[in-house]
Amino acid sequence: MREMGMQLLRGISKSLGLEECYIENKMKLESGYSVFGPNYYPALSQSSDDKNQIGQFPHRDPGLLVLLAQNVGGGLQIEHQKKWLNADFPPSSIFVIVADHIEILTNGKYKSLLHRVALNSEVERMSLPFFFGPSLDVTVKPEPEFVDDHNPPSYRQMTYKAYLESNDHHVIEARANLNQIRL
């Protein structure tokens, strides 16, 4: 998973017109902080009145990318133009989520994906997210390549470790952490 994340970040760097290893070097990925965090969502019972219960409330993830695998299709929803869309993808594939620190680094050129999990089927679901992040000591900020007179910095700088520590206190509002450092 780590190598897949590295390849994706190299592609993002190139898509921004930068050298292939730009994000890798800026975020000190040789000592990056990555976490594997499996989730279990039970099946809805036959007697459940609400067939659209939420298994995980709307949120964005810290880090650079989340590589997500799951055992069954369905459940993941993404917000697009103020509507929730099902992000159906086969169990044999990986769904890539752009996370907060790509948004910060690119000063908003790439956006962190707002998503949630709906318990909308009668089968249990397991998701296997791999959270791919920078080194804990790296200071993440809008980089100079994305800042100019027409695009001032949108976020204040903060170490990745400090951002993760503040995340524990701001889990209710979907964009709390980005709002906390937004200028």
Protein backbone atom coordinates (compact mmCIF):
# COMPACT_ATOMS: atom_id res chain seq x y z
CA MET A 1 0.00 0.00 0.00
CA ARG A 2 2.85 2.35 0.79
CA GLU A 3 4.35 1.97 -2.68
CA MET A 4 0.93 2.57 -4.26
CA GLY A 5 0.59 5.77 -2.21
CA MET A 6 4.03 6.92 -3.30
CA GLN A 7 3.18 6.34 -6.97
CA LEU A 8 -0.08 8.27 -6.61
CA LEU A 9 1.67 11.20 -4.93
CA ARG A 10 4.26 11.23 -7.72
CA GLY A 11 1.38 11.45 -10.20
CA ILE A 12 -0.19 14.31 -8.24
CA SER A 13 3.16 16.14 -8.23
CA LYS A 14 3.45 15.75 -12.00
CA SER A 15 -0.19 16.85 -12.51
CA LEU A 16 0.73 20.11 -10.77
CA GLY A 17 3.65 20.65 -13.15
CA LEU A 18 6.22 19.86 -10.47
CA GLU A 19 9.07 17.39 -10.27
CA GLU A 20 7.87 13.84 -9.67
CA CYS A 21 9.28 13.61 -6.13
CA TYR A 22 8.09 17.07 -5.02
CA ILE A 23 5.48 15.90 -2.47
CA GLU A 24 7.66 12.98 -1.41
CA ASN A 25 10.52 15.35 -0.55
CA LYS A 26 8.45 18.17 0.99
CA MET A 27 6.53 15.78 3.23
CA LYS A 28 9.61 13.71 4.22
CA LEU A 29 7.89 10.51 3.18
CA GLU A 30 10.97 8.40 3.88
CA SER A 31 9.84 8.74 7.52
CA GLY A 32 6.14 9.28 6.81
CA TYR A 33 3.50 8.40 9.39
CA SER A 34 1.05 5.88 7.98
CA VAL A 35 -1.70 4.00 9.80
CA PHE A 36 -3.84 1.02 8.87
CA GLY A 37 -7.23 1.37 10.61
CA PRO A 38 -9.85 -1.31 9.84
CA ASN A 39 -13.53 -0.47 10.42
CA TYR A 40 -16.50 -2.77 10.96
CA TYR A 41 -20.07 -1.76 10.12
CA PRO A 42 -22.82 -4.20 11.13
CA ALA A 43 -25.67 -5.15 8.83
CA LEU A 44 -28.99 -3.41 9.35
CA SER A 45 -31.47 -5.66 11.05
CA GLN A 46 -34.56 -6.84 9.20
CA SER A 47 -36.68 -4.80 11.62
CA SER A 48 -34.79 -1.54 11.12
CA ASP A 49 -37.14 1.25 10.08
CA ASP A 50 -34.39 3.49 8.76
CA LYS A 51 -32.64 1.91 5.79
CA ASN A 52 -30.24 4.88 5.55
CA GLN A 53 -28.57 4.89 8.95
CA ILE A 54 -25.17 6.50 9.17
CA GLY A 55 -22.27 4.26 10.15
CA GLN A 56 -19.76 7.10 10.17
CA PHE A 57 -20.69 10.78 10.10
CA PRO A 58 -19.41 13.15 7.40
CA HIS A 59 -15.72 13.85 7.79
CA ARG A 60 -12.45 14.53 6.04
CA ASP A 61 -9.25 12.71 6.85
CA PRO A 62 -5.89 14.05 7.96
CA GLY A 63 -2.84 13.07 5.96
CA LEU A 64 -2.11 13.03 2.26
CA LEU A 65 -4.15 10.12 0.90
CA VAL A 66 -6.36 7.33 2.15
CA LEU A 67 -6.27 4.07 0.20
CA LEU A 68 -9.50 2.24 0.94
CA ALA A 69 -10.42 -1.40 0.33
CA GLN A 70 -13.68 -3.02 1.42
CA ASN A 71 -15.23 -6.47 1.54
CA VAL A 72 -18.51 -5.56 -0.25
CA GLY A 73 -19.63 -2.83 -2.62
CA GLY A 74 -21.66 0.05 -1.24
CA GLY A 75 -21.77 2.10 1.92
CA LEU A 76 -19.22 4.80 1.15
CA GLN A 77 -20.80 8.09 0.14
CA ILE A 78 -19.07 11.26 -1.06
CA GLU A 79 -20.39 14.80 -1.01
CA HIS A 80 -20.59 16.47 -4.42
CA GLN A 81 -22.36 19.78 -5.01
CA LYS A 82 -24.12 19.50 -1.62
CA LYS A 83 -25.55 16.05 -2.44
CA TRP A 84 -24.48 12.64 -1.16
CA LEU A 85 -23.51 10.21 -3.91
CA ASN A 86 -22.83 6.51 -3.51
CA ALA A 87 -19.20 5.71 -4.24
CA ASP A 88 -19.73 2.15 -5.37
CA PHE A 89 -16.55 0.33 -6.24
CA PRO A 90 -15.83 -3.40 -6.49
CA PRO A 91 -14.36 -5.18 -3.46
CA SER A 92 -11.27 -6.09 -5.51
CA SER A 93 -10.33 -2.43 -6.06
CA ILE A 94 -8.82 0.44 -4.07
CA PHE A 95 -10.68 3.75 -3.65
CA VAL A 96 -8.35 6.75 -3.29
CA ILE A 97 -9.35 9.63 -1.02
CA VAL A 98 -7.49 12.95 -1.15
CA ALA A 99 -6.92 14.05 2.45
CA ASP A 100 -6.44 17.36 4.30
CA HIS A 101 -2.70 17.79 3.89
CA ILE A 102 -2.79 17.64 0.10
CA GLU A 103 -5.36 20.45 0.25
CA ILE A 104 -3.14 22.47 2.60
CA LEU A 105 0.08 21.84 0.65
CA THR A 106 -1.56 22.82 -2.68
CA ASN A 107 -3.39 25.80 -1.12
CA GLY A 108 -6.71 24.28 -2.19
CA LYS A 109 -5.87 23.19 -5.74
CA TYR A 110 -6.65 19.64 -4.61
CA LYS A 111 -9.57 19.32 -2.16
CA SER A 112 -9.89 17.00 0.79
CA LEU A 113 -12.86 14.70 0.15
CA LEU A 114 -15.89 14.95 2.45
CA HIS A 115 -17.29 11.45 2.90
CA ARG A 116 -19.40 9.30 5.20
CA VAL A 117 -20.55 5.71 5.56
CA ALA A 118 -24.21 4.75 5.23
CA LEU A 119 -25.51 1.46 6.62
CA ASN A 120 -27.82 0.97 3.68
CA SER A 121 -27.71 -2.75 3.08
CA GLU A 122 -28.37 -5.94 4.95
CA VAL A 123 -24.80 -7.20 4.79
CA GLU A 124 -22.00 -6.36 7.19
CA ARG A 125 -19.24 -4.20 5.77
CA MET A 126 -15.58 -4.03 6.62
CA SER A 127 -13.40 -1.27 5.28
CA LEU A 128 -9.64 -1.34 5.33
CA PRO A 129 -8.30 2.22 5.10
CA PHE A 130 -4.58 2.89 4.85
CA PHE A 131 -3.93 6.47 5.97
CA PHE A 132 -0.84 7.75 4.19
CA GLY A 133 0.69 10.77 5.91
CA PRO A 134 3.79 12.90 6.05
CA SER A 135 6.47 12.70 8.72
CA LEU A 136 5.14 13.76 12.13
CA ASP A 137 7.69 16.57 12.42
CA VAL A 138 7.02 18.08 9.00
CA THR A 139 5.45 21.56 8.99
CA VAL A 140 2.64 21.52 6.46
CA LYS A 141 1.68 24.81 4.87
CA PRO A 142 0.68 26.14 1.46
CA GLU A 143 3.89 25.83 -0.53
CA PRO A 144 5.29 28.85 -2.43
CA GLU A 145 4.48 27.25 -5.80
CA PHE A 146 0.76 27.65 -4.95
CA VAL A 147 0.85 31.13 -3.43
CA ASP A 148 0.95 34.48 -5.24
CA ASP A 149 -0.71 37.92 -5.15
CA HIS A 150 -3.98 36.46 -6.48
CA ASN A 151 -3.81 33.30 -4.33
CA PRO A 152 -2.64 34.18 -0.82
CA PRO A 153 -2.08 31.34 1.66
CA SER A 154 -5.42 29.87 2.76
CA TYR A 155 -4.03 27.93 5.74
CA ARG A 156 -1.58 28.62 8.54
CA GLN A 157 1.33 26.27 9.04
CA MET A 158 1.23 23.45 11.56
CA THR A 159 3.23 20.30 12.12
CA TYR A 160 1.50 17.10 11.13
CA LYS A 161 1.80 15.85 14.72
CA ALA A 162 0.06 18.98 16.10
CA TYR A 163 -2.69 18.60 13.50
CA LEU A 164 -3.28 14.97 14.49
CA GLU A 165 -3.33 15.88 18.18
CA SER A 166 -5.90 18.63 17.55
CA ASN A 167 -8.07 16.22 15.54
CA ASP A 168 -9.21 14.43 18.71
CA HIS A 169 -11.00 17.59 19.82
CA HIS A 170 -12.67 18.44 16.51
CA VAL A 171 -14.39 15.31 15.26
CA ILE A 172 -17.97 16.60 15.21
CA GLU A 173 -17.71 19.24 12.47
CA ALA A 174 -16.64 17.72 9.16
CA ARG A 175 -14.18 20.46 8.34
CA ALA A 176 -13.15 21.46 11.85
CA ASN A 177 -9.42 20.91 11.50
CA LEU A 178 -9.13 22.69 8.17
CA ASN A 179 -11.27 25.52 9.59
CA GLN A 180 -9.03 25.72 12.62
CA ILE A 181 -5.98 26.51 10.49
CA ARG A 182 -7.74 28.39 7.68
CA LEU A 183 -6.59 32.02 7.38
